[in-house]
Amino acid sequence: MARDKSIKIRLTEEEYERINLYAESKGFSVSEVIRDYIKRLPRIDSFCGF
């Protein structure tokens, strides 16, 4: 599946350092860490009203 969407967010210095250090400690990129968190979200069809 092609990844053709992007998201821009603003982080505090502490938030940036936390995610960056976590990613480095696990050998992942920050993008990979964020994608992993997104994969843990409930699927769209599980929300009420959808």
C-alpha atoms as a PDB file:
ATOM      1  CA  MET A   1       0.000   0.000   0.000  1.00  0.00           C
ATOM      2  CA  ALA A   2       1.456   3.347  -1.030  1.00  0.00           C
ATOM      3  CA  ARG A   3       1.934   5.963   1.637  1.00  0.00           C
ATOM      4  CA  ASP A   4       0.859   9.171  -0.023  1.00  0.00           C
ATOM      5  CA  LYS A   5      -0.645  11.085   2.909  1.00  0.00           C
ATOM      6  CA  SER A   6       1.312  13.139   5.408  1.00  0.00           C
ATOM      7  CA  ILE A   7       0.557  14.878   8.681  1.00  0.00           C
ATOM      8  CA  LYS A   8       2.345  17.878  10.117  1.00  0.00           C
ATOM      9  CA  ILE A   9       2.177  18.387  13.876  1.00  0.00           C
ATOM     10  CA  ARG A  10       3.758  20.800  16.309  1.00  0.00           C
ATOM     11  CA  LEU A  11       5.552  19.417  19.323  1.00  0.00           C
ATOM     12  CA  THR A  12       7.149  20.932  22.353  1.00  0.00           C
ATOM     13  CA  GLU A  13      10.878  20.418  22.697  1.00  0.00           C
ATOM     14  CA  GLU A  14      10.204  17.793  25.386  1.00  0.00           C
ATOM     15  CA  GLU A  15       7.679  15.908  23.220  1.00  0.00           C
ATOM     16  CA  TYR A  16      10.090  15.916  20.294  1.00  0.00           C
ATOM     17  CA  GLU A  17      12.974  14.683  22.434  1.00  0.00           C
ATOM     18  CA  ARG A  18      10.838  11.940  23.992  1.00  0.00           C
ATOM     19  CA  ILE A  19       9.652  10.475  20.702  1.00  0.00           C
ATOM     20  CA  ASN A  20      13.013  10.903  19.030  1.00  0.00           C
ATOM     21  CA  LEU A  21      14.933   9.207  21.868  1.00  0.00           C
ATOM     22  CA  TYR A  22      12.356   6.411  22.057  1.00  0.00           C
ATOM     23  CA  ALA A  23      12.606   5.788  18.302  1.00  0.00           C
ATOM     24  CA  GLU A  24      16.412   5.780  18.421  1.00  0.00           C
ATOM     25  CA  SER A  25      16.470   3.397  21.382  1.00  0.00           C
ATOM     26  CA  LYS A  26      14.289   0.921  19.473  1.00  0.00           C
ATOM     27  CA  GLY A  27      16.118   1.340  16.156  1.00  0.00           C
ATOM     28  CA  PHE A  28      13.096   2.865  14.407  1.00  0.00           C
ATOM     29  CA  SER A  29      12.390   6.154  12.733  1.00  0.00           C
ATOM     30  CA  VAL A  30       9.958   8.564  14.368  1.00  0.00           C
ATOM     31  CA  SER A  31       7.564   7.896  11.479  1.00  0.00           C
ATOM     32  CA  GLU A  32       7.637   4.165  12.188  1.00  0.00           C
ATOM     33  CA  VAL A  33       6.846   4.766  15.865  1.00  0.00           C
ATOM     34  CA  ILE A  34       3.889   6.989  14.994  1.00  0.00           C
ATOM     35  CA  ARG A  35       2.582   4.529  12.382  1.00  0.00           C
ATOM     36  CA  ASP A  36       2.772   1.760  14.998  1.00  0.00           C
ATOM     37  CA  TYR A  37       0.647   3.807  17.397  1.00  0.00           C
ATOM     38  CA  ILE A  38      -1.876   4.502  14.637  1.00  0.00           C
ATOM     39  CA  LYS A  39      -2.120   0.781  13.855  1.00  0.00           C
ATOM     40  CA  ARG A  40      -3.236   0.221  17.464  1.00  0.00           C
ATOM     41  CA  LEU A  41      -6.261   2.516  17.077  1.00  0.00           C
ATOM     42  CA  PRO A  42      -9.663   0.866  16.608  1.00  0.00           C
ATOM     43  CA  ARG A  43     -10.675   0.308  13.000  1.00  0.00           C
ATOM     44  CA  ILE A  44     -13.028   2.901  11.517  1.00  0.00           C
ATOM     45  CA  ASP A  45     -15.904   0.426  11.179  1.00  0.00           C
ATOM     46  CA  SER A  46     -15.824  -0.194  14.950  1.00  0.00           C
ATOM     47  CA  PHE A  47     -16.920   3.367  15.755  1.00  0.00           C
ATOM     48  CA  CYS A  48     -20.604   3.984  16.451  1.00  0.00           C
ATOM     49  CA  GLY A  49     -22.382   5.686  13.596  1.00  0.00           C
ATOM     50  CA  PHE A  50     -19.979   4.588  10.848  1.00  0.00           C
END
